[in-house]
PDB file of N, CA and C in Angstrom:
ATOM      1  N   UNK A   1     168.529 112.101  72.486  1.00  0.00           N
ATOM      2  CA  UNK A   1     167.601 113.080  71.994  1.00  0.00           C
ATOM      3  C   UNK A   1     166.890 113.774  73.158  1.00  0.00           C
ATOM      4  N   UNK A   2     166.502 113.006  74.165  1.00  0.00           N
ATOM      5  CA  UNK A   2     165.816 113.590  75.319  1.00  0.00           C
ATOM      6  C   UNK A   2     166.692 114.623  76.012  1.00  0.00           C
ATOM      7  N   UNK A   3     167.972 114.303  76.154  1.00  0.00           N
ATOM      8  CA  UNK A   3     168.879 115.216  76.865  1.00  0.00           C
ATOM      9  C   UNK A   3     169.052 116.512  76.095  1.00  0.00           C
ATOM     10  N   UNK A   4     169.225 116.424  74.769  1.00  0.00           N
ATOM     11  CA  UNK A   4     169.320 117.653  73.972  1.00  0.00           C
ATOM     12  C   UNK A   4     168.077 118.518  74.191  1.00  0.00           C
ATOM     13  N   UNK A   5     166.906 117.907  74.103  1.00  0.00           N
ATOM     14  CA  UNK A   5     165.653 118.669  74.273  1.00  0.00           C
ATOM     15  C   UNK A   5     165.532 119.220  75.687  1.00  0.00           C
ATOM     16  N   UNK A   6     165.909 118.433  76.687  1.00  0.00           N
ATOM     17  CA  UNK A   6     165.852 118.899  78.074  1.00  0.00           C
ATOM     18  C   UNK A   6     166.764 120.100  78.293  1.00  0.00           C
ATOM     19  N   UNK A   7     167.824 120.193  77.499  1.00  0.00           N
ATOM     20  CA  UNK A   7     168.766 121.313  77.600  1.00  0.00           C
ATOM     21  C   UNK A   7     168.346 122.489  76.722  1.00  0.00           C
ATOM     22  N   UNK A   8     167.150 122.409  76.116  1.00  0.00           N
ATOM     23  CA  UNK A   8     166.623 123.525  75.342  1.00  0.00           C
ATOM     24  C   UNK A   8     167.033 123.555  73.886  1.00  0.00           C
ATOM     25  N   UNK A   9     167.567 122.459  73.385  1.00  0.00           N
ATOM     26  CA  UNK A   9     167.973 122.389  71.974  1.00  0.00           C
ATOM     27  C   UNK A   9     166.798 121.930  71.124  1.00  0.00           C
ATOM     28  N   UNK A  10     166.819 122.296  69.852  1.00  0.00           N
ATOM     29  CA  UNK A  10     165.857 121.719  68.919  1.00  0.00           C
ATOM     30  C   UNK A  10     166.516 120.506  68.279  1.00  0.00           C
ATOM     31  N   UNK A  11     165.701 119.493  67.988  1.00  0.00           N
ATOM     32  CA  UNK A  11     166.237 118.234  67.478  1.00  0.00           C
ATOM     33  C   UNK A  11     165.383 117.750  66.317  1.00  0.00           C
ATOM     34  N   UNK A  12     166.028 117.472  65.199  1.00  0.00           N
ATOM     35  CA  UNK A  12     165.377 116.811  64.069  1.00  0.00           C
ATOM     36  C   UNK A  12     165.970 115.415  63.965  1.00  0.00           C
ATOM     37  N   UNK A  13     165.114 114.415  63.992  1.00  0.00           N
ATOM     38  CA  UNK A  13     165.562 113.031  63.874  1.00  0.00           C
ATOM     39  C   UNK A  13     165.714 112.724  62.385  1.00  0.00           C
ATOM     40  N   UNK A  14     166.945 112.401  61.991  1.00  0.00           N
ATOM     41  CA  UNK A  14     167.259 112.196  60.568  1.00  0.00           C
ATOM     42  C   UNK A  14     167.817 110.807  60.300  1.00  0.00           C
ATOM     43  N   UNK A  15     167.663 109.905  61.246  1.00  0.00           N
ATOM     44  CA  UNK A  15     168.243 108.565  61.114  1.00  0.00           C
ATOM     45  C   UNK A  15     167.674 107.794  59.931  1.00  0.00           C
ATOM     46  N   UNK A  16     166.478 108.122  59.482  1.00  0.00           N
ATOM     47  CA  UNK A  16     165.869 107.398  58.359  1.00  0.00           C
ATOM     48  C   UNK A  16     166.342 107.900  56.991  1.00  0.00           C
ATOM     49  N   UNK A  17     167.118 108.974  56.966  1.00  0.00           N
ATOM     50  CA  UNK A  17     167.589 109.521  55.689  1.00  0.00           C
ATOM     51  C   UNK A  17     168.455 108.503  54.957  1.00  0.00           C
ATOM     52  N   UNK A  18     169.311 107.809  55.691  1.00  0.00           N
ATOM     53  CA  UNK A  18     170.175 106.799  55.082  1.00  0.00           C
ATOM     54  C   UNK A  18     171.388 107.399  54.412  1.00  0.00           C
ATOM     55  N   UNK A  19     172.103 106.579  53.664  1.00  0.00           N
ATOM     56  CA  UNK A  19     173.306 106.988  52.926  1.00  0.00           C
ATOM     57  C   UNK A  19     174.367 107.601  53.831  1.00  0.00           C
ATOM     58  N   UNK A  20     174.417 107.160  55.104  1.00  0.00           N
ATOM     59  CA  UNK A  20     175.436 107.655  56.021  1.00  0.00           C
ATOM     60  C   UNK A  20     175.102 108.957  56.711  1.00  0.00           C
ATOM     61  N   UNK A  21     173.920 109.534  56.398  1.00  0.00           N
ATOM     62  CA  UNK A  21     173.537 110.801  57.018  1.00  0.00           C
ATOM     63  C   UNK A  21     173.406 110.601  58.531  1.00  0.00           C
ATOM     64  N   UNK A  22     173.875 111.560  59.330  1.00  0.00           N
ATOM     65  CA  UNK A  22     173.832 111.418  60.786  1.00  0.00           C
ATOM     66  C   UNK A  22     172.413 111.237  61.332  1.00  0.00           C
ATOM     67  N   UNK A  23     172.343 110.739  62.565  1.00  0.00           N
ATOM     68  CA  UNK A  23     171.071 110.417  63.212  1.00  0.00           C
ATOM     69  C   UNK A  23     170.227 111.633  63.562  1.00  0.00           C
ATOM     70  N   UNK A  24     170.893 112.728  63.930  1.00  0.00           N
ATOM     71  CA  UNK A  24     170.185 113.924  64.394  1.00  0.00           C
ATOM     72  C   UNK A  24     170.798 115.180  63.795  1.00  0.00           C
ATOM     73  N   UNK A  25     169.969 116.208  63.640  1.00  0.00           N
ATOM     74  CA  UNK A  25     170.454 117.565  63.432  1.00  0.00           C
ATOM     75  C   UNK A  25     169.957 118.342  64.642  1.00  0.00           C
ATOM     76  N   UNK A  26     170.901 118.921  65.364  1.00  0.00           N
ATOM     77  CA  UNK A  26     170.588 119.580  66.633  1.00  0.00           C
ATOM     78  C   UNK A  26     170.867 121.074  66.510  1.00  0.00           C
ATOM     79  N   UNK A  27     169.883 121.877  66.893  1.00  0.00           N
ATOM     80  CA  UNK A  27     170.046 123.331  66.911  1.00  0.00           C
ATOM     81  C   UNK A  27     170.408 123.783  68.310  1.00  0.00           C
ATOM     82  N   UNK A  28     171.574 124.426  68.423  1.00  0.00           N
ATOM     83  CA  UNK A  28     172.059 124.926  69.712  1.00  0.00           C
ATOM     84  C   UNK A  28     172.500 126.367  69.510  1.00  0.00           C
ATOM     85  N   UNK A  29     171.813 127.290  70.161  1.00  0.00           N
ATOM     86  CA  UNK A  29     172.198 128.703  70.099  1.00  0.00           C
ATOM     87  C   UNK A  29     172.420 129.204  68.678  1.00  0.00           C
ATOM     88  N   UNK A  30     171.544 128.843  67.772  1.00  0.00           N
ATOM     89  CA  UNK A  30     171.631 129.336  66.397  1.00  0.00           C
ATOM     90  C   UNK A  30     172.541 128.537  65.483  1.00  0.00           C
ATOM     91  N   UNK A  31     173.175 127.511  65.998  1.00  0.00           N
ATOM     92  CA  UNK A  31     174.031 126.656  65.169  1.00  0.00           C
ATOM     93  C   UNK A  31     173.354 125.309  64.960  1.00  0.00           C
ATOM     94  N   UNK A  32     173.520 124.751  63.770  1.00  0.00           N
ATOM     95  CA  UNK A  32     173.028 123.413  63.475  1.00  0.00           C
ATOM     96  C   UNK A  32     174.207 122.465  63.458  1.00  0.00           C
ATOM     97  N   UNK A  33     174.119 121.414  64.249  1.00  0.00           N
ATOM     98  CA  UNK A  33     175.204 120.442  64.341  1.00  0.00           C
ATOM     99  C   UNK A  33     174.636 119.065  64.062  1.00  0.00           C
ATOM    100  N   UNK A  34     175.269 118.356  63.148  1.00  0.00           N
ATOM    101  CA  UNK A  34     174.869 116.985  62.861  1.00  0.00           C
ATOM    102  C   UNK A  34     175.475 116.079  63.924  1.00  0.00           C
ATOM    103  N   UNK A  35     174.660 115.142  64.407  1.00  0.00           N
ATOM    104  CA  UNK A  35     175.096 114.266  65.498  1.00  0.00           C
ATOM    105  C   UNK A  35     174.846 112.812  65.118  1.00  0.00           C
ATOM    106  N   UNK A  36     175.892 112.027  65.209  1.00  0.00           N
ATOM    107  CA  UNK A  36     175.798 110.574  65.050  1.00  0.00           C
ATOM    108  C   UNK A  36     175.769 109.989  66.452  1.00  0.00           C
ATOM    109  N   UNK A  37     174.755 109.202  66.748  1.00  0.00           N
ATOM    110  CA  UNK A  37     174.611 108.602  68.072  1.00  0.00           C
ATOM    111  C   UNK A  37     175.132 107.167  68.030  1.00  0.00           C
ATOM    112  N   UNK A  38     176.029 106.855  68.932  1.00  0.00           N
ATOM    113  CA  UNK A  38     176.523 105.484  69.102  1.00  0.00           C
ATOM    114  C   UNK A  38     176.305 105.095  70.562  1.00  0.00           C
ATOM    115  N   UNK A  39     175.948 103.862  70.794  1.00  0.00           N
ATOM    116  CA  UNK A  39     175.662 103.361  72.140  1.00  0.00           C
ATOM    117  C   UNK A  39     176.966 103.065  72.864  1.00  0.00           C
ATOM    118  N   UNK A  40     177.315 103.912  73.830  1.00  0.00           N
ATOM    119  CA  UNK A  40     178.555 103.763  74.574  1.00  0.00           C
ATOM    120  C   UNK A  40     178.624 102.509  75.415  1.00  0.00           C
ATOM    121  N   UNK A  41     177.470 101.843  75.630  1.00  0.00           N
ATOM    122  CA  UNK A  41     177.456 100.608  76.412  1.00  0.00           C
ATOM    123  C   UNK A  41     177.885  99.403  75.586  1.00  0.00           C
ATOM    124  N   UNK A  42     177.889  99.569  74.274  1.00  0.00           N
ATOM    125  CA  UNK A  42     178.286  98.455  73.400  1.00  0.00           C
ATOM    126  C   UNK A  42     179.802  98.392  73.289  1.00  0.00           C
ATOM    127  N   UNK A  43     180.337  97.224  72.934  1.00  0.00           N
ATOM    128  CA  UNK A  43     181.785  97.133  72.725  1.00  0.00           C
ATOM    129  C   UNK A  43     182.219  98.046  71.572  1.00  0.00           C
ATOM    130  N   UNK A  44     183.464  98.511  71.599  1.00  0.00           N
ATOM    131  CA  UNK A  44     183.944  99.415  70.550  1.00  0.00           C
ATOM    132  C   UNK A  44     183.695  98.897  69.125  1.00  0.00           C
ATOM    133  N   UNK A  45     183.799  97.610  68.923  1.00  0.00           N
ATOM    134  CA  UNK A  45     183.603  97.072  67.576  1.00  0.00           C
ATOM    135  C   UNK A  45     182.175  97.286  67.079  1.00  0.00           C
ATOM    136  N   UNK A  46     181.233  97.436  67.989  1.00  0.00           N
ATOM    137  CA  UNK A  46     179.840  97.657  67.617  1.00  0.00           C
ATOM    138  C   UNK A  46     179.468  99.140  67.568  1.00  0.00           C
ATOM    139  N   UNK A  47     180.424 100.008  67.907  1.00  0.00           N
ATOM    140  CA  UNK A  47     180.181 101.455  67.861  1.00  0.00           C
ATOM    141  C   UNK A  47     180.819 102.105  66.647  1.00  0.00           C
ATOM    142  N   UNK A  48     181.507 101.332  65.855  1.00  0.00           N
ATOM    143  CA  UNK A  48     182.195 101.898  64.689  1.00  0.00           C
ATOM    144  C   UNK A  48     181.200 102.496  63.708  1.00  0.00           C
ATOM    145  N   UNK A  49     181.671 103.501  62.988  1.00  0.00           N
ATOM    146  CA  UNK A  49     180.861 104.056  61.911  1.00  0.00           C
ATOM    147  C   UNK A  49     180.723 103.020  60.806  1.00  0.00           C
ATOM    148  N   UNK A  50     179.564 103.009  60.158  1.00  0.00           N
ATOM    149  CA  UNK A  50     179.378 102.131  59.007  1.00  0.00           C
ATOM    150  C   UNK A  50     180.185 102.688  57.843  1.00  0.00           C
ATOM    151  N   UNK A  51     180.438 101.892  56.806  1.00  0.00           N
ATOM    152  CA  UNK A  51     181.136 102.426  55.632  1.00  0.00           C
ATOM    153  C   UNK A  51     180.433 103.652  55.037  1.00  0.00           C
ATOM    154  N   UNK A  52     179.108 103.642  55.003  1.00  0.00           N
ATOM    155  CA  UNK A  52     178.378 104.806  54.464  1.00  0.00           C
ATOM    156  C   UNK A  52     178.589 106.034  55.346  1.00  0.00           C
ATOM    157  N   UNK A  53     178.623 105.837  56.673  1.00  0.00           N
ATOM    158  CA  UNK A  53     178.867 106.963  57.580  1.00  0.00           C
ATOM    159  C   UNK A  53     180.279 107.506  57.414  1.00  0.00           C
ATOM    160  N   UNK A  54     181.249 106.626  57.264  1.00  0.00           N
ATOM    161  CA  UNK A  54     182.632 107.058  57.041  1.00  0.00           C
ATOM    162  C   UNK A  54     182.710 107.904  55.777  1.00  0.00           C
ATOM    163  N   UNK A  55     182.077 107.449  54.717  1.00  0.00           N
ATOM    164  CA  UNK A  55     182.071 108.212  53.460  1.00  0.00           C
ATOM    165  C   UNK A  55     181.428 109.583  53.651  1.00  0.00           C
ATOM    166  N   UNK A  56     180.259 109.606  54.283  1.00  0.00           N
ATOM    167  CA  UNK A  56     179.558 110.878  54.484  1.00  0.00           C
ATOM    168  C   UNK A  56     180.398 111.834  55.320  1.00  0.00           C
ATOM    169  N   UNK A  57     180.937 111.341  56.424  1.00  0.00           N
ATOM    170  CA  UNK A  57     181.768 112.183  57.300  1.00  0.00           C
ATOM    171  C   UNK A  57     182.984 112.697  56.538  1.00  0.00           C
ATOM    172  N   UNK A  58     183.488 111.894  55.612  1.00  0.00           N
ATOM    173  CA  UNK A  58     184.676 112.277  54.858  1.00  0.00           C
ATOM    174  C   UNK A  58     184.458 113.415  53.885  1.00  0.00           C
ATOM    175  N   UNK A  59     183.278 113.491  53.295  1.00  0.00           N
ATOM    176  CA  UNK A  59     183.073 114.549  52.301  1.00  0.00           C
ATOM    177  C   UNK A  59     182.266 115.730  52.822  1.00  0.00           C
ATOM    178  N   UNK A  60     181.608 115.570  53.969  1.00  0.00           N
ATOM    179  CA  UNK A  60     180.804 116.666  54.500  1.00  0.00           C
ATOM    180  C   UNK A  60     181.704 117.751  55.058  1.00  0.00           C
ATOM    181  N   UNK A  61     181.455 118.996  54.688  1.00  0.00           N
ATOM    182  CA  UNK A  61     182.318 120.102  55.101  1.00  0.00           C
ATOM    183  C   UNK A  61     181.796 120.843  56.323  1.00  0.00           C
ATOM    184  N   UNK A  62     180.717 120.355  56.885  1.00  0.00           N
ATOM    185  CA  UNK A  62     180.178 120.932  58.112  1.00  0.00           C
ATOM    186  C   UNK A  62     180.596 120.103  59.313  1.00  0.00           C
ATOM    187  N   UNK A  63     180.071 120.474  60.454  1.00  0.00           N
ATOM    188  CA  UNK A  63     180.423 119.808  61.704  1.00  0.00           C
ATOM    189  C   UNK A  63     179.555 118.583  61.930  1.00  0.00           C
ATOM    190  N   UNK A  64     180.185 117.457  62.185  1.00  0.00           N
ATOM    191  CA  UNK A  64     179.505 116.240  62.613  1.00  0.00           C
ATOM    192  C   UNK A  64     180.194 115.782  63.893  1.00  0.00           C
ATOM    193  N   UNK A  65     179.398 115.488  64.899  1.00  0.00           N
ATOM    194  CA  UNK A  65     179.938 115.030  66.167  1.00  0.00           C
ATOM    195  C   UNK A  65     179.367 113.647  66.458  1.00  0.00           C
ATOM    196  N   UNK A  66     180.222 112.745  66.898  1.00  0.00           N
ATOM    197  CA  UNK A  66     179.787 111.413  67.305  1.00  0.00           C
ATOM    198  C   UNK A  66     179.654 111.418  68.825  1.00  0.00           C
ATOM    199  N   UNK A  67     178.465 111.075  69.299  1.00  0.00           N
ATOM    200  CA  UNK A  67     178.153 111.102  70.727  1.00  0.00           C
ATOM    201  C   UNK A  67     177.887 109.677  71.200  1.00  0.00           C
ATOM    202  N   UNK A  68     178.471 109.328  72.350  1.00  0.00           N
ATOM    203  CA  UNK A  68     178.268 107.996  72.920  1.00  0.00           C
ATOM    204  C   UNK A  68     177.617 108.005  74.296  1.00  0.00           C
ATOM    205  N   UNK A  69     177.610 109.153  74.982  1.00  0.00           N
ATOM    206  CA  UNK A  69     177.080 109.206  76.347  1.00  0.00           C
ATOM    207  C   UNK A  69     176.304 110.499  76.585  1.00  0.00           C
ATOM    208  N   UNK A  70     175.488 110.476  77.618  1.00  0.00           N
ATOM    209  CA  UNK A  70     174.753 111.672  78.028  1.00  0.00           C
ATOM    210  C   UNK A  70     175.737 112.769  78.431  1.00  0.00           C
ATOM    211  N   UNK A  71     176.822 112.415  79.102  1.00  0.00           N
ATOM    212  CA  UNK A  71     177.821 113.420  79.486  1.00  0.00           C
ATOM    213  C   UNK A  71     178.390 114.133  78.263  1.00  0.00           C
ATOM    214  N   UNK A  72     178.538 113.421  77.164  1.00  0.00           N
ATOM    215  CA  UNK A  72     179.035 114.042  75.934  1.00  0.00           C
ATOM    216  C   UNK A  72     178.009 115.006  75.345  1.00  0.00           C
ATOM    217  N   UNK A  73     176.726 114.681  75.468  1.00  0.00           N
ATOM    218  CA  UNK A  73     175.674 115.615  75.038  1.00  0.00           C
ATOM    219  C   UNK A  73     175.795 116.905  75.833  1.00  0.00           C
ATOM    220  N   UNK A  74     175.912 116.776  77.133  1.00  0.00           N
ATOM    221  CA  UNK A  74     176.023 117.943  78.012  1.00  0.00           C
ATOM    222  C   UNK A  74     177.276 118.747  77.669  1.00  0.00           C
ATOM    223  N   UNK A  75     178.392 118.069  77.422  1.00  0.00           N
ATOM    224  CA  UNK A  75     179.645 118.759  77.072  1.00  0.00           C
ATOM    225  C   UNK A  75     179.513 119.508  75.752  1.00  0.00           C
ATOM    226  N   UNK A  76     178.870 118.904  74.778  1.00  0.00           N
ATOM    227  CA  UNK A  76     178.696 119.562  73.475  1.00  0.00           C
ATOM    228  C   UNK A  76     177.847 120.816  73.616  1.00  0.00           C
ATOM    229  N   UNK A  77     176.726 120.700  74.303  1.00  0.00           N
ATOM    230  CA  UNK A  77     175.850 121.864  74.488  1.00  0.00           C
ATOM    231  C   UNK A  77     176.574 122.957  75.269  1.00  0.00           C
ATOM    232  N   UNK A  78     177.305 122.582  76.309  1.00  0.00           N
ATOM    233  CA  UNK A  78     178.056 123.565  77.098  1.00  0.00           C
ATOM    234  C   UNK A  78     179.117 124.252  76.249  1.00  0.00           C
ATOM    235  N   UNK A  79     179.787 123.488  75.393  1.00  0.00           N
ATOM    236  CA  UNK A  79     180.825 124.075  74.536  1.00  0.00           C
ATOM    237  C   UNK A  79     180.231 125.106  73.589  1.00  0.00           C
ATOM    238  N   UNK A  80     179.106 124.769  72.991  1.00  0.00           N
ATOM    239  CA  UNK A  80     178.474 125.713  72.061  1.00  0.00           C
ATOM    240  C   UNK A  80     177.960 126.930  72.809  1.00  0.00           C
ATOM    241  N   UNK A  81     177.325 126.703  73.932  1.00  0.00           N
ATOM    242  CA  UNK A  81     176.788 127.831  74.709  1.00  0.00           C
ATOM    243  C   UNK A  81     177.888 128.685  75.318  1.00  0.00           C
ATOM    244  N   UNK A  82     179.052 128.098  75.531  1.00  0.00           N
ATOM    245  CA  UNK A  82     180.189 128.852  76.065  1.00  0.00           C
ATOM    246  C   UNK A  82     180.947 129.572  74.970  1.00  0.00           C
ATOM    247  N   UNK A  83     180.377 129.584  73.771  1.00  0.00           N
ATOM    248  CA  UNK A  83     180.950 130.246  72.605  1.00  0.00           C
ATOM    249  C   UNK A  83     182.279 129.651  72.177  1.00  0.00           C
ATOM    250  N   UNK A  84     182.499 128.403  72.562  1.00  0.00           N
ATOM    251  CA  UNK A  84     183.672 127.709  72.053  1.00  0.00           C
ATOM    252  C   UNK A  84     183.355 127.207  70.660  1.00  0.00           C
ATOM    253  N   UNK A  85     184.339 127.177  69.837  1.00  0.00           N
ATOM    254  CA  UNK A  85     184.180 126.532  68.545  1.00  0.00           C
ATOM    255  C   UNK A  85     184.028 125.038  68.779  1.00  0.00           C
ATOM    256  N   UNK A  86     183.026 124.426  68.153  1.00  0.00           N
ATOM    257  CA  UNK A  86     182.848 122.989  68.307  1.00  0.00           C
ATOM    258  C   UNK A  86     184.094 122.269  67.814  1.00  0.00           C
ATOM    259  N   UNK A  87     184.682 122.731  66.711  1.00  0.00           N
ATOM    260  CA  UNK A  87     185.880 122.065  66.202  1.00  0.00           C
ATOM    261  C   UNK A  87     187.057 122.261  67.153  1.00  0.00           C
ATOM    262  N   UNK A  88     187.070 123.356  67.910  1.00  0.00           N
ATOM    263  CA  UNK A  88     188.131 123.548  68.898  1.00  0.00           C
ATOM    264  C   UNK A  88     187.892 122.658  70.118  1.00  0.00           C
ATOM    265  N   UNK A  89     186.633 122.558  70.530  1.00  0.00           N
ATOM    266  CA  UNK A  89     186.314 121.746  71.706  1.00  0.00           C
ATOM    267  C   UNK A  89     186.485 120.263  71.411  1.00  0.00           C
ATOM    268  N   UNK A  90     186.170 119.858  70.177  1.00  0.00           N
ATOM    269  CA  UNK A  90     186.231 118.461  69.769  1.00  0.00           C
ATOM    270  C   UNK A  90     186.947 118.394  68.428  1.00  0.00           C
ATOM    271  N   UNK A  91     188.267 118.584  68.393  1.00  0.00           N
ATOM    272  CA  UNK A  91     188.997 118.749  67.149  1.00  0.00           C
ATOM    273  C   UNK A  91     188.877 117.606  66.152  1.00  0.00           C
ATOM    274  N   UNK A  92     188.644 116.407  66.619  1.00  0.00           N
ATOM    275  CA  UNK A  92     188.551 115.307  65.678  1.00  0.00           C
ATOM    276  C   UNK A  92     187.177 115.221  65.039  1.00  0.00           C
ATOM    277  N   UNK A  93     186.241 116.055  65.492  1.00  0.00           N
ATOM    278  CA  UNK A  93     184.877 115.957  65.013  1.00  0.00           C
ATOM    279  C   UNK A  93     184.100 114.899  65.766  1.00  0.00           C
ATOM    280  N   UNK A  94     184.778 114.220  66.679  1.00  0.00           N
ATOM    281  CA  UNK A  94     184.102 113.209  67.484  1.00  0.00           C
ATOM    282  C   UNK A  94     184.435 113.438  68.936  1.00  0.00           C
ATOM    283  N   UNK A  95     183.597 112.907  69.777  1.00  0.00           N
ATOM    284  CA  UNK A  95     183.872 112.886  71.211  1.00  0.00           C
ATOM    285  C   UNK A  95     183.959 111.413  71.534  1.00  0.00           C
ATOM    286  N   UNK A  96     185.077 110.966  72.018  1.00  0.00           N
ATOM    287  CA  UNK A  96     185.195 109.535  72.303  1.00  0.00           C
ATOM    288  C   UNK A  96     185.395 109.315  73.787  1.00  0.00           C
ATOM    289  N   UNK A  97     185.003 108.142  74.212  1.00  0.00           N
ATOM    290  CA  UNK A  97     185.126 107.772  75.612  1.00  0.00           C
ATOM    291  C   UNK A  97     186.370 106.925  75.779  1.00  0.00           C
ATOM    292  N   UNK A  98     187.196 107.272  76.764  1.00  0.00           N
ATOM    293  CA  UNK A  98     188.432 106.506  77.004  1.00  0.00           C
ATOM    294  C   UNK A  98     188.122 105.177  77.628  1.00  0.00           C
TER     295      UNK A  98
END
């Protein structure tokens, strides 16, 4: 959240909404993007989406991005500001760390 704000984005914390709703709604250059935050320092088994998140991501027709690192935050903001389509920059709807 700090990195998004430091990069000039607006951030609404939505983690308390529940029912699989993403952790943040981030405004970047006039676009609203839902962001699920996962701790990249945790093992992959602990970064998985919950069943409720999987369901929500499955039926939501807007953009949801899963972020695990600060570098991914920077990449997402750069992609939007570079007028790239978020779905083109991150076709799976997620950004994953190799």
